[in-house]
C-alpha cells in the first residue's frame, strides 16, 4: 500500500515546504483542490520539478469536460488526476481517454456519493479509471459520529481497486491496509502535525 500526502495548503511555497518535509516517507504528493484553485496548474509543474521521483496527484475533482481538464493536468506534469465519481459517465470516460493518451492514471473521487456508493464505485470502475478514492470530505468528517469504518466496509464490498481518504491517521492506517486499499491518503494527520516529516514517517512505519 502506498502512502499519499494531501498538500492541503493554499500557497505554493507552503506546499513546496511541506512536500520537502515529507518526501522521504511518502509515495504520492497530492495537490489539494484549494491549492490548484489558488495557484493554478503551474503548481503541479513546480511540485513535479521539485520531486521528479514522486508521483504527483492533481486533485481536480473534475465534474465536466473530463478529457480537457485531465489533459491540462497531465501536460503540467501530473501522474494522476481525479474526476468526480458522481459526474456524468461521459465525463469519466473523457478523463480516462486523456489518461490513455498521456500514459497516466485517472482516479474516480467518490466524495459526495453517499447513497448506493458501492454500486457507483463498481460502475465507475468499469469506465476505465485506475482506481476509486473512497473519500469523506472535511465537512463530512466534522459531523458527530463520523467513522472511517464505513469507507473501509465499502471498499471491501466493492471488490475493485481503491484508496481511502478521510480520517487516515496512525490509529487507523493499519485497518486501511487490512481492508485492501491500494493507497492511504493522509491529510491533517501530516500537515496538521508539529513535525510533518515525523508524522509521515510514523504513518509509513505502520504499513511497512
N, C-alpha and C. Protein backbone atom coordinates (compact mmCIF):
# COMPACT_ATOMS: atom_id res chain seq x y z
N UNK A 1 0.84 -1.19 0.00
CA UNK A 1 0.00 0.00 0.00
C UNK A 1 0.87 1.24 0.00
N UNK A 2 0.54 2.19 -0.88
CA UNK A 2 1.27 3.44 -0.97
C UNK A 2 0.70 4.46 0.02
N UNK A 3 1.57 5.38 0.43
CA UNK A 3 1.15 6.48 1.30
C UNK A 3 1.12 7.77 0.49
N UNK A 4 -0.02 8.44 0.52
CA UNK A 4 -0.21 9.70 -0.20
C UNK A 4 -0.43 10.81 0.80
N UNK A 5 0.24 11.94 0.61
CA UNK A 5 0.02 13.10 1.47
C UNK A 5 -0.77 14.14 0.70
N UNK A 6 -1.82 14.64 1.33
CA UNK A 6 -2.60 15.72 0.73
C UNK A 6 -1.98 17.05 1.16
N UNK A 7 -1.45 17.77 0.18
CA UNK A 7 -0.86 19.08 0.46
C UNK A 7 -2.00 20.10 0.50
N UNK A 8 -2.76 20.06 1.59
CA UNK A 8 -3.96 20.88 1.70
C UNK A 8 -3.62 22.26 2.27
N UNK A 9 -2.83 22.98 1.49
CA UNK A 9 -2.48 24.36 1.79
C UNK A 9 -2.84 25.18 0.55
N UNK A 10 -2.79 26.49 0.65
CA UNK A 10 -3.22 27.30 -0.50
C UNK A 10 -2.11 28.16 -1.09
N UNK A 11 -0.91 28.07 -0.54
CA UNK A 11 0.23 28.83 -1.07
C UNK A 11 1.26 27.84 -1.60
N UNK A 12 1.84 28.14 -2.75
CA UNK A 12 2.80 27.23 -3.36
C UNK A 12 4.04 27.07 -2.50
N UNK A 13 4.53 28.14 -1.89
CA UNK A 13 5.73 28.00 -1.06
C UNK A 13 5.47 27.08 0.12
N UNK A 14 4.27 27.16 0.69
CA UNK A 14 3.92 26.27 1.80
C UNK A 14 3.83 24.83 1.32
N UNK A 15 3.29 24.63 0.12
CA UNK A 15 3.20 23.27 -0.43
C UNK A 15 4.57 22.70 -0.70
N UNK A 16 5.47 23.50 -1.24
CA UNK A 16 6.83 23.03 -1.51
C UNK A 16 7.56 22.70 -0.22
N UNK A 17 7.36 23.52 0.80
CA UNK A 17 7.99 23.25 2.10
C UNK A 17 7.47 21.96 2.68
N UNK A 18 6.15 21.78 2.67
CA UNK A 18 5.55 20.56 3.22
C UNK A 18 6.01 19.34 2.43
N UNK A 19 6.04 19.44 1.11
CA UNK A 19 6.48 18.32 0.29
C UNK A 19 7.92 17.94 0.62
N UNK A 20 8.76 18.92 0.80
CA UNK A 20 10.16 18.66 1.14
C UNK A 20 10.28 17.97 2.51
N UNK A 21 9.43 18.35 3.45
CA UNK A 21 9.49 17.76 4.79
C UNK A 21 9.10 16.29 4.81
N UNK A 22 8.20 15.90 3.92
CA UNK A 22 7.63 14.55 3.98
C UNK A 22 8.07 13.63 2.86
N UNK A 23 8.81 14.14 1.89
CA UNK A 23 9.09 13.38 0.66
C UNK A 23 9.76 12.04 0.91
N UNK A 24 10.59 11.95 1.95
CA UNK A 24 11.31 10.69 2.18
C UNK A 24 10.41 9.59 2.71
N UNK A 25 9.19 9.94 3.13
CA UNK A 25 8.32 8.95 3.75
C UNK A 25 7.05 8.66 2.96
N UNK A 26 6.79 9.42 1.90
CA UNK A 26 5.55 9.23 1.15
C UNK A 26 5.85 8.83 -0.29
N UNK A 27 4.85 8.25 -0.92
CA UNK A 27 4.98 7.81 -2.31
C UNK A 27 4.32 8.77 -3.30
N UNK A 28 3.27 9.44 -2.84
CA UNK A 28 2.47 10.29 -3.72
C UNK A 28 2.27 11.65 -3.07
N UNK A 29 2.54 12.71 -3.84
CA UNK A 29 2.33 14.08 -3.38
C UNK A 29 1.06 14.61 -4.06
N UNK A 30 0.06 14.91 -3.26
CA UNK A 30 -1.22 15.37 -3.79
C UNK A 30 -1.37 16.88 -3.64
N UNK A 31 -1.62 17.55 -4.76
CA UNK A 31 -2.02 18.94 -4.71
C UNK A 31 -3.52 18.99 -4.45
N UNK A 32 -3.90 19.46 -3.27
CA UNK A 32 -5.31 19.54 -2.94
C UNK A 32 -6.05 20.50 -3.84
N UNK A 33 -7.36 20.32 -3.94
CA UNK A 33 -8.17 21.17 -4.81
C UNK A 33 -8.01 22.66 -4.49
N UNK A 34 -8.04 23.09 -3.23
CA UNK A 34 -7.85 24.52 -2.95
C UNK A 34 -6.50 25.04 -3.42
N UNK A 35 -5.45 24.23 -3.34
CA UNK A 35 -4.13 24.66 -3.80
C UNK A 35 -4.14 24.87 -5.31
N UNK A 36 -4.73 23.96 -6.05
CA UNK A 36 -4.79 24.11 -7.51
C UNK A 36 -5.63 25.32 -7.88
N UNK A 37 -6.73 25.54 -7.18
CA UNK A 37 -7.55 26.72 -7.46
C UNK A 37 -6.80 28.01 -7.14
N UNK A 38 -5.95 27.95 -6.14
CA UNK A 38 -5.22 29.14 -5.72
C UNK A 38 -4.06 29.48 -6.65
N UNK A 39 -3.27 28.47 -7.03
CA UNK A 39 -2.04 28.76 -7.79
C UNK A 39 -2.09 28.28 -9.24
N UNK A 40 -3.13 27.52 -9.59
CA UNK A 40 -3.24 27.05 -10.97
C UNK A 40 -2.39 25.82 -11.25
N UNK A 41 -2.41 25.40 -12.51
CA UNK A 41 -1.68 24.20 -12.91
C UNK A 41 -0.18 24.38 -12.81
N UNK A 42 0.30 25.61 -12.70
CA UNK A 42 1.73 25.83 -12.51
C UNK A 42 2.21 25.19 -11.21
N UNK A 43 1.31 25.04 -10.25
CA UNK A 43 1.68 24.37 -9.01
C UNK A 43 2.03 22.92 -9.23
N UNK A 44 1.31 22.26 -10.15
CA UNK A 44 1.62 20.87 -10.49
C UNK A 44 3.03 20.78 -11.05
N UNK A 45 3.34 21.67 -11.96
CA UNK A 45 4.67 21.67 -12.58
C UNK A 45 5.75 21.89 -11.55
N UNK A 46 5.51 22.80 -10.62
CA UNK A 46 6.52 23.12 -9.60
C UNK A 46 6.77 21.95 -8.66
N UNK A 47 5.71 21.29 -8.24
CA UNK A 47 5.88 20.14 -7.33
C UNK A 47 6.59 19.01 -8.05
N UNK A 48 6.21 18.75 -9.31
CA UNK A 48 6.86 17.67 -10.05
C UNK A 48 8.33 17.98 -10.30
N UNK A 49 8.65 19.24 -10.60
CA UNK A 49 10.04 19.61 -10.83
C UNK A 49 10.87 19.44 -9.57
N UNK A 50 10.27 19.74 -8.42
CA UNK A 50 10.99 19.61 -7.15
C UNK A 50 11.14 18.17 -6.71
N UNK A 51 10.21 17.30 -7.15
CA UNK A 51 10.22 15.90 -6.72
C UNK A 51 9.91 14.98 -7.90
N UNK A 52 10.82 14.92 -8.87
CA UNK A 52 10.55 14.13 -10.08
C UNK A 52 10.44 12.64 -9.81
N UNK A 53 10.95 12.19 -8.67
CA UNK A 53 10.89 10.76 -8.34
C UNK A 53 9.59 10.36 -7.66
N UNK A 54 8.73 11.32 -7.38
CA UNK A 54 7.46 11.04 -6.72
C UNK A 54 6.30 11.12 -7.70
N UNK A 55 5.26 10.36 -7.43
CA UNK A 55 4.03 10.50 -8.18
C UNK A 55 3.32 11.77 -7.72
N UNK A 56 2.89 12.58 -8.68
CA UNK A 56 2.18 13.81 -8.36
C UNK A 56 0.71 13.65 -8.72
N UNK A 57 -0.12 13.90 -7.74
CA UNK A 57 -1.57 13.66 -7.82
C UNK A 57 -2.27 15.01 -7.84
N UNK A 58 -2.98 15.30 -8.91
CA UNK A 58 -3.72 16.56 -9.03
C UNK A 58 -5.18 16.30 -8.70
N UNK A 59 -5.61 16.80 -7.56
CA UNK A 59 -6.99 16.56 -7.12
C UNK A 59 -7.92 17.60 -7.76
N UNK A 60 -8.19 17.40 -9.04
CA UNK A 60 -9.02 18.35 -9.78
C UNK A 60 -10.49 18.29 -9.39
N UNK A 61 -10.94 17.12 -8.99
CA UNK A 61 -12.38 16.89 -8.76
C UNK A 61 -13.19 17.35 -9.98
N UNK A 62 -12.76 16.96 -11.14
CA UNK A 62 -13.42 17.36 -12.38
C UNK A 62 -14.86 16.86 -12.42
N UNK A 63 -15.78 17.78 -12.75
CA UNK A 63 -17.20 17.44 -12.83
C UNK A 63 -17.74 17.56 -14.25
N UNK A 64 -16.94 18.10 -15.18
CA UNK A 64 -17.35 18.27 -16.57
C UNK A 64 -16.08 18.43 -17.40
N UNK A 65 -16.19 18.27 -18.71
CA UNK A 65 -15.04 18.42 -19.61
C UNK A 65 -13.86 17.58 -19.13
N UNK A 66 -14.13 16.31 -18.90
CA UNK A 66 -13.13 15.43 -18.32
C UNK A 66 -11.86 15.31 -19.13
N UNK A 67 -11.99 15.14 -20.43
CA UNK A 67 -10.79 14.96 -21.25
C UNK A 67 -9.95 16.23 -21.28
N UNK A 68 -10.60 17.37 -21.39
CA UNK A 68 -9.87 18.64 -21.43
C UNK A 68 -9.12 18.90 -20.13
N UNK A 69 -9.83 18.82 -19.01
CA UNK A 69 -9.19 19.16 -17.74
C UNK A 69 -8.09 18.17 -17.37
N UNK A 70 -8.35 16.89 -17.56
CA UNK A 70 -7.33 15.90 -17.25
C UNK A 70 -6.11 16.10 -18.13
N UNK A 71 -6.33 16.38 -19.41
CA UNK A 71 -5.21 16.60 -20.33
C UNK A 71 -4.35 17.77 -19.90
N UNK A 72 -4.98 18.86 -19.46
CA UNK A 72 -4.22 20.02 -18.99
C UNK A 72 -3.34 19.66 -17.80
N UNK A 73 -3.89 18.88 -16.88
CA UNK A 73 -3.12 18.49 -15.70
C UNK A 73 -1.97 17.56 -16.07
N UNK A 74 -2.22 16.62 -16.98
CA UNK A 74 -1.15 15.72 -17.39
C UNK A 74 -0.04 16.49 -18.11
N UNK A 75 -0.41 17.45 -18.93
CA UNK A 75 0.59 18.26 -19.61
C UNK A 75 1.43 19.07 -18.61
N UNK A 76 0.82 19.41 -17.49
CA UNK A 76 1.52 20.19 -16.47
C UNK A 76 2.46 19.32 -15.63
N UNK A 77 2.33 18.00 -15.75
CA UNK A 77 3.23 17.12 -15.01
C UNK A 77 2.58 16.16 -14.05
N UNK A 78 1.26 16.16 -13.97
CA UNK A 78 0.57 15.24 -13.06
C UNK A 78 0.70 13.79 -13.53
N UNK A 79 0.80 12.90 -12.56
CA UNK A 79 0.81 11.46 -12.85
C UNK A 79 -0.57 10.86 -12.65
N UNK A 80 -1.36 11.47 -11.78
CA UNK A 80 -2.72 11.03 -11.51
C UNK A 80 -3.61 12.26 -11.38
N UNK A 81 -4.85 12.15 -11.83
CA UNK A 81 -5.83 13.21 -11.64
C UNK A 81 -7.15 12.59 -11.18
N UNK A 82 -7.96 13.41 -10.52
CA UNK A 82 -9.27 12.92 -10.09
C UNK A 82 -10.39 13.49 -10.94
N UNK A 83 -11.36 12.63 -11.16
CA UNK A 83 -12.63 13.03 -11.76
C UNK A 83 -13.70 12.61 -10.76
N UNK A 84 -14.74 13.41 -10.64
CA UNK A 84 -15.78 13.11 -9.67
C UNK A 84 -16.50 11.81 -10.03
N UNK A 85 -16.61 10.93 -9.05
CA UNK A 85 -17.35 9.70 -9.28
C UNK A 85 -18.83 9.94 -9.53
N UNK A 86 -19.31 11.10 -9.06
CA UNK A 86 -20.71 11.46 -9.27
C UNK A 86 -20.95 12.13 -10.61
N UNK A 87 -19.89 12.38 -11.37
CA UNK A 87 -20.03 13.06 -12.66
C UNK A 87 -20.70 12.15 -13.69
N UNK A 88 -21.10 12.76 -14.78
CA UNK A 88 -21.67 12.01 -15.90
C UNK A 88 -20.66 10.97 -16.39
N UNK A 89 -21.16 9.83 -16.81
CA UNK A 89 -20.27 8.76 -17.27
C UNK A 89 -19.35 9.24 -18.40
N UNK A 90 -19.86 10.09 -19.28
CA UNK A 90 -19.04 10.56 -20.39
C UNK A 90 -17.91 11.47 -19.91
N UNK A 91 -18.12 12.16 -18.80
CA UNK A 91 -17.04 12.96 -18.21
C UNK A 91 -15.93 12.05 -17.71
N UNK A 92 -16.32 10.97 -17.06
CA UNK A 92 -15.33 10.00 -16.58
C UNK A 92 -14.61 9.38 -17.76
N UNK A 93 -15.35 8.99 -18.78
CA UNK A 93 -14.72 8.38 -19.97
C UNK A 93 -13.74 9.36 -20.63
N UNK A 94 -14.09 10.63 -20.65
CA UNK A 94 -13.21 11.62 -21.24
C UNK A 94 -11.90 11.74 -20.49
N UNK A 95 -11.98 11.77 -19.16
CA UNK A 95 -10.76 11.82 -18.35
C UNK A 95 -9.91 10.58 -18.59
N UNK A 96 -10.55 9.43 -18.67
CA UNK A 96 -9.84 8.18 -18.92
C UNK A 96 -9.15 8.22 -20.28
N UNK A 97 -9.82 8.79 -21.26
CA UNK A 97 -9.22 8.91 -22.60
C UNK A 97 -7.95 9.75 -22.54
N UNK A 98 -7.98 10.83 -21.77
CA UNK A 98 -6.77 11.65 -21.61
C UNK A 98 -5.68 10.87 -20.91
N UNK A 99 -6.06 10.08 -19.91
CA UNK A 99 -5.07 9.26 -19.23
C UNK A 99 -4.38 8.29 -20.17
N UNK A 100 -5.16 7.69 -21.05
CA UNK A 100 -4.57 6.75 -22.02
C UNK A 100 -3.65 7.48 -23.00
N UNK A 101 -4.05 8.67 -23.40
CA UNK A 101 -3.23 9.45 -24.33
C UNK A 101 -1.86 9.76 -23.74
N UNK A 102 -1.84 10.12 -22.47
CA UNK A 102 -0.59 10.53 -21.82
C UNK A 102 0.09 9.40 -21.05
N UNK A 103 -0.54 8.25 -21.00
CA UNK A 103 0.03 7.14 -20.25
C UNK A 103 0.00 7.36 -18.75
N UNK A 104 -1.04 8.02 -18.28
CA UNK A 104 -1.17 8.38 -16.87
C UNK A 104 -2.46 7.78 -16.29
N UNK A 105 -2.68 8.02 -15.00
CA UNK A 105 -3.79 7.38 -14.30
C UNK A 105 -4.88 8.37 -13.91
N UNK A 106 -6.11 7.90 -13.97
CA UNK A 106 -7.28 8.67 -13.56
C UNK A 106 -7.94 7.96 -12.38
N UNK A 107 -8.30 8.74 -11.38
CA UNK A 107 -8.91 8.22 -10.16
C UNK A 107 -10.31 8.83 -10.02
N UNK A 108 -11.29 8.00 -9.75
CA UNK A 108 -12.65 8.49 -9.51
C UNK A 108 -12.81 8.80 -8.03
N UNK A 109 -13.04 10.07 -7.73
CA UNK A 109 -13.21 10.52 -6.34
C UNK A 109 -14.68 10.38 -5.95
N UNK A 110 -14.95 9.57 -4.93
CA UNK A 110 -16.33 9.27 -4.56
C UNK A 110 -16.89 10.24 -3.52
N UNK A 111 -16.21 11.36 -3.28
CA UNK A 111 -16.74 12.36 -2.37
C UNK A 111 -18.12 12.80 -2.86
N UNK A 112 -19.03 13.02 -1.96
CA UNK A 112 -20.45 13.39 -2.17
C UNK A 112 -21.32 12.20 -2.55
N UNK A 113 -20.74 11.05 -2.84
CA UNK A 113 -21.55 9.88 -3.14
C UNK A 113 -21.79 9.11 -1.85
N UNK A 114 -23.01 9.18 -1.36
CA UNK A 114 -23.35 8.52 -0.09
C UNK A 114 -24.34 7.38 -0.33
N UNK A 115 -25.41 7.67 -1.06
CA UNK A 115 -26.41 6.63 -1.33
C UNK A 115 -25.90 5.69 -2.43
N UNK A 116 -26.06 4.41 -2.21
CA UNK A 116 -25.67 3.40 -3.21
C UNK A 116 -24.21 3.57 -3.65
N UNK A 117 -23.34 3.88 -2.70
CA UNK A 117 -21.95 4.16 -3.04
C UNK A 117 -21.25 2.95 -3.64
N UNK A 118 -21.48 1.78 -3.09
CA UNK A 118 -20.81 0.59 -3.61
C UNK A 118 -21.20 0.34 -5.06
N UNK A 119 -22.47 0.53 -5.37
CA UNK A 119 -22.93 0.33 -6.75
C UNK A 119 -22.25 1.32 -7.70
N UNK A 120 -22.13 2.58 -7.27
CA UNK A 120 -21.49 3.58 -8.13
C UNK A 120 -19.99 3.32 -8.26
N UNK A 121 -19.36 2.87 -7.20
CA UNK A 121 -17.94 2.51 -7.27
C UNK A 121 -17.72 1.46 -8.35
N UNK A 122 -18.57 0.46 -8.37
CA UNK A 122 -18.44 -0.60 -9.37
C UNK A 122 -18.69 -0.07 -10.77
N UNK A 123 -19.66 0.85 -10.90
CA UNK A 123 -19.97 1.41 -12.21
C UNK A 123 -18.78 2.20 -12.78
N UNK A 124 -18.21 3.09 -11.96
CA UNK A 124 -17.13 3.93 -12.49
C UNK A 124 -15.87 3.10 -12.74
N UNK A 125 -15.70 2.03 -11.99
CA UNK A 125 -14.54 1.17 -12.23
C UNK A 125 -14.60 0.57 -13.63
N UNK A 126 -15.80 0.28 -14.10
CA UNK A 126 -15.97 -0.30 -15.44
C UNK A 126 -15.71 0.72 -16.54
N UNK A 127 -15.65 2.01 -16.18
CA UNK A 127 -15.42 3.06 -17.17
C UNK A 127 -13.93 3.28 -17.45
N UNK A 128 -13.08 2.55 -16.73
CA UNK A 128 -11.67 2.57 -17.06
C UNK A 128 -10.74 3.32 -16.13
N UNK A 129 -11.27 3.83 -15.00
CA UNK A 129 -10.38 4.51 -14.06
C UNK A 129 -9.41 3.50 -13.45
N UNK A 130 -8.26 4.00 -13.02
CA UNK A 130 -7.24 3.11 -12.45
C UNK A 130 -7.67 2.58 -11.09
N UNK A 131 -8.29 3.44 -10.31
CA UNK A 131 -8.90 3.02 -9.04
C UNK A 131 -9.85 4.11 -8.58
N UNK A 132 -10.62 3.80 -7.54
CA UNK A 132 -11.54 4.78 -6.97
C UNK A 132 -11.00 5.24 -5.63
N UNK A 133 -11.27 6.49 -5.31
CA UNK A 133 -10.90 7.02 -3.99
C UNK A 133 -12.18 7.12 -3.17
N UNK A 134 -12.29 6.28 -2.17
CA UNK A 134 -13.46 6.32 -1.28
C UNK A 134 -13.15 7.39 -0.24
N UNK A 135 -13.86 8.51 -0.34
CA UNK A 135 -13.41 9.76 0.25
C UNK A 135 -14.52 10.42 1.07
N UNK A 136 -14.23 10.68 2.32
CA UNK A 136 -15.09 11.51 3.15
C UNK A 136 -14.42 12.87 3.28
N UNK A 137 -15.08 13.92 2.84
CA UNK A 137 -14.51 15.25 2.89
C UNK A 137 -14.42 15.82 4.29
N UNK A 138 -13.78 16.96 4.41
CA UNK A 138 -13.57 17.58 5.72
C UNK A 138 -14.90 17.88 6.41
N UNK A 139 -15.89 18.35 5.64
CA UNK A 139 -17.18 18.67 6.25
C UNK A 139 -17.86 17.42 6.78
N UNK A 140 -17.77 16.34 6.02
CA UNK A 140 -18.37 15.08 6.49
C UNK A 140 -17.65 14.57 7.73
N UNK A 141 -16.34 14.65 7.72
CA UNK A 141 -15.57 14.17 8.87
C UNK A 141 -15.89 14.95 10.15
N UNK A 142 -16.29 16.21 9.99
CA UNK A 142 -16.57 17.06 11.15
C UNK A 142 -17.91 16.75 11.81
N UNK A 143 -18.74 15.95 11.15
CA UNK A 143 -20.05 15.66 11.73
C UNK A 143 -19.92 14.69 12.90
N UNK A 144 -20.78 14.84 13.91
CA UNK A 144 -20.76 13.92 15.05
C UNK A 144 -20.98 12.48 14.59
N UNK A 145 -20.18 11.59 15.14
CA UNK A 145 -20.36 10.18 14.85
C UNK A 145 -19.65 9.67 13.61
N UNK A 146 -18.91 10.56 12.92
CA UNK A 146 -18.20 10.09 11.73
C UNK A 146 -17.17 9.03 12.10
N UNK A 147 -17.07 8.01 11.27
CA UNK A 147 -16.04 6.98 11.43
C UNK A 147 -15.54 6.54 10.06
N UNK A 148 -14.26 6.24 9.99
CA UNK A 148 -13.66 5.77 8.74
C UNK A 148 -14.14 4.37 8.37
N UNK A 149 -14.74 3.68 9.32
CA UNK A 149 -15.10 2.28 9.09
C UNK A 149 -16.05 2.11 7.91
N UNK A 150 -16.95 3.07 7.72
CA UNK A 150 -17.89 2.96 6.59
C UNK A 150 -17.15 2.95 5.26
N UNK A 151 -16.08 3.73 5.15
CA UNK A 151 -15.29 3.75 3.93
C UNK A 151 -14.61 2.39 3.71
N UNK A 152 -14.06 1.85 4.78
CA UNK A 152 -13.36 0.57 4.68
C UNK A 152 -14.34 -0.55 4.30
N UNK A 153 -15.51 -0.53 4.90
CA UNK A 153 -16.51 -1.55 4.60
C UNK A 153 -16.92 -1.50 3.13
N UNK A 154 -17.10 -0.29 2.60
CA UNK A 154 -17.50 -0.15 1.20
C UNK A 154 -16.37 -0.60 0.26
N UNK A 155 -15.14 -0.34 0.64
CA UNK A 155 -14.01 -0.79 -0.17
C UNK A 155 -13.96 -2.30 -0.26
N UNK A 156 -14.13 -2.94 0.87
CA UNK A 156 -14.13 -4.40 0.88
C UNK A 156 -15.28 -4.95 0.04
N UNK A 157 -16.45 -4.36 0.20
CA UNK A 157 -17.63 -4.88 -0.50
C UNK A 157 -17.55 -4.66 -2.01
N UNK A 158 -16.99 -3.52 -2.41
CA UNK A 158 -16.97 -3.19 -3.84
C UNK A 158 -16.12 -4.16 -4.64
N UNK A 159 -15.01 -4.59 -4.05
CA UNK A 159 -14.18 -5.58 -4.72
C UNK A 159 -13.41 -5.07 -5.92
N UNK A 160 -13.11 -3.77 -5.94
CA UNK A 160 -12.33 -3.17 -7.02
C UNK A 160 -11.16 -2.40 -6.39
N UNK A 161 -10.13 -2.05 -7.16
CA UNK A 161 -9.01 -1.29 -6.59
C UNK A 161 -9.48 0.06 -6.03
N UNK A 162 -9.03 0.38 -4.81
CA UNK A 162 -9.50 1.61 -4.17
C UNK A 162 -8.43 2.22 -3.27
N UNK A 163 -8.61 3.51 -3.01
CA UNK A 163 -7.84 4.20 -1.98
C UNK A 163 -8.81 4.73 -0.94
N UNK A 164 -8.27 5.14 0.20
CA UNK A 164 -9.10 5.66 1.29
C UNK A 164 -8.60 7.05 1.67
N UNK A 165 -9.53 8.00 1.75
CA UNK A 165 -9.21 9.36 2.20
C UNK A 165 -10.32 9.83 3.12
N UNK A 166 -9.91 10.23 4.33
CA UNK A 166 -10.91 10.72 5.28
C UNK A 166 -10.73 10.13 6.65
N UNK A 167 -9.76 10.65 7.39
CA UNK A 167 -9.53 10.15 8.74
C UNK A 167 -8.41 9.14 8.84
N UNK A 168 -7.51 9.12 7.86
CA UNK A 168 -6.35 8.22 7.94
C UNK A 168 -5.34 8.82 8.91
N UNK A 169 -4.99 8.06 9.93
CA UNK A 169 -4.00 8.50 10.92
C UNK A 169 -3.26 7.29 11.47
N UNK A 170 -2.42 7.48 12.46
CA UNK A 170 -1.61 6.35 12.95
C UNK A 170 -2.48 5.28 13.60
N UNK A 171 -3.65 5.66 14.10
CA UNK A 171 -4.54 4.67 14.70
C UNK A 171 -5.31 3.87 13.66
N UNK A 172 -5.62 4.47 12.53
CA UNK A 172 -6.48 3.81 11.54
C UNK A 172 -5.75 3.20 10.36
N UNK A 173 -4.49 3.57 10.13
CA UNK A 173 -3.85 3.19 8.87
C UNK A 173 -3.65 1.68 8.73
N UNK A 174 -3.47 0.98 9.84
CA UNK A 174 -3.34 -0.48 9.75
C UNK A 174 -4.65 -1.10 9.26
N UNK A 175 -5.77 -0.54 9.69
CA UNK A 175 -7.07 -1.04 9.25
C UNK A 175 -7.29 -0.75 7.77
N UNK A 176 -6.77 0.39 7.31
CA UNK A 176 -6.88 0.74 5.89
C UNK A 176 -6.12 -0.29 5.05
N UNK A 177 -4.93 -0.65 5.50
CA UNK A 177 -4.16 -1.66 4.79
C UNK A 177 -4.86 -3.02 4.83
N UNK A 178 -5.39 -3.38 6.00
CA UNK A 178 -6.07 -4.67 6.14
C UNK A 178 -7.31 -4.77 5.26
N UNK A 179 -7.93 -3.62 4.99
CA UNK A 179 -9.12 -3.62 4.13
C UNK A 179 -8.78 -3.84 2.67
N UNK A 180 -7.50 -3.73 2.33
CA UNK A 180 -7.08 -3.98 0.96
C UNK A 180 -6.89 -2.74 0.11
N UNK A 181 -6.79 -1.57 0.75
CA UNK A 181 -6.62 -0.33 -0.01
C UNK A 181 -5.30 -0.33 -0.76
N UNK A 182 -5.32 0.23 -1.95
CA UNK A 182 -4.10 0.40 -2.75
C UNK A 182 -3.29 1.60 -2.25
N UNK A 183 -4.00 2.63 -1.77
CA UNK A 183 -3.36 3.86 -1.31
C UNK A 183 -4.08 4.36 -0.07
N UNK A 184 -3.32 4.83 0.91
CA UNK A 184 -3.87 5.52 2.07
C UNK A 184 -3.53 6.99 1.93
N UNK A 185 -4.55 7.85 2.00
CA UNK A 185 -4.36 9.29 1.81
C UNK A 185 -4.45 9.98 3.17
N UNK A 186 -3.36 10.58 3.59
CA UNK A 186 -3.33 11.29 4.87
C UNK A 186 -3.22 12.79 4.62
N UNK A 187 -4.06 13.54 5.29
CA UNK A 187 -4.03 14.98 5.18
C UNK A 187 -3.66 15.63 6.49
N UNK A 188 -4.68 15.89 7.30
CA UNK A 188 -4.46 16.58 8.57
C UNK A 188 -3.51 15.86 9.51
N UNK A 189 -3.46 14.54 9.43
CA UNK A 189 -2.55 13.79 10.30
C UNK A 189 -1.10 14.14 10.03
N UNK A 190 -0.82 14.66 8.82
CA UNK A 190 0.53 15.06 8.46
C UNK A 190 0.69 16.58 8.49
N UNK A 191 -0.13 17.29 7.70
CA UNK A 191 0.09 18.74 7.62
C UNK A 191 -0.30 19.46 8.91
N UNK A 192 -1.13 18.83 9.73
CA UNK A 192 -1.52 19.44 11.00
C UNK A 192 -0.59 19.12 12.15
N UNK A 193 0.42 18.28 11.89
CA UNK A 193 1.34 17.88 12.94
C UNK A 193 2.41 18.94 13.19
N UNK A 194 2.93 18.97 14.40
CA UNK A 194 4.01 19.88 14.72
C UNK A 194 5.23 19.60 13.86
N UNK A 195 5.49 18.32 13.62
CA UNK A 195 6.60 17.88 12.77
C UNK A 195 6.03 17.00 11.66
N UNK A 196 5.66 17.58 10.52
CA UNK A 196 5.04 16.79 9.45
C UNK A 196 5.90 15.63 8.99
N UNK A 197 7.20 15.82 8.93
CA UNK A 197 8.09 14.75 8.49
C UNK A 197 8.02 13.55 9.42
N UNK A 198 8.06 13.82 10.72
CA UNK A 198 7.98 12.73 11.70
C UNK A 198 6.62 12.05 11.63
N UNK A 199 5.56 12.84 11.42
CA UNK A 199 4.23 12.26 11.31
C UNK A 199 4.13 11.35 10.10
N UNK A 200 4.70 11.77 8.98
CA UNK A 200 4.68 10.93 7.78
C UNK A 200 5.46 9.65 7.99
N UNK A 201 6.60 9.76 8.62
CA UNK A 201 7.41 8.55 8.88
C UNK A 201 6.69 7.60 9.83
N UNK A 202 5.97 8.13 10.80
CA UNK A 202 5.22 7.27 11.71
C UNK A 202 4.13 6.51 10.98
N UNK A 203 3.45 7.20 10.06
CA UNK A 203 2.43 6.53 9.25
C UNK A 203 3.04 5.45 8.39
N UNK A 204 4.15 5.79 7.76
CA UNK A 204 4.82 4.83 6.86
C UNK A 204 5.25 3.59 7.63
N UNK A 205 5.71 3.78 8.85
CA UNK A 205 6.18 2.65 9.65
C UNK A 205 5.07 1.68 9.98
N UNK A 206 3.83 2.16 10.01
CA UNK A 206 2.70 1.30 10.33
C UNK A 206 2.28 0.42 9.16
N UNK A 207 2.75 0.73 7.96
CA UNK A 207 2.33 -0.06 6.80
C UNK A 207 3.48 -0.85 6.18
N UNK A 208 4.67 -0.68 6.67
CA UNK A 208 5.84 -1.43 6.14
C UNK A 208 5.95 -2.79 6.81
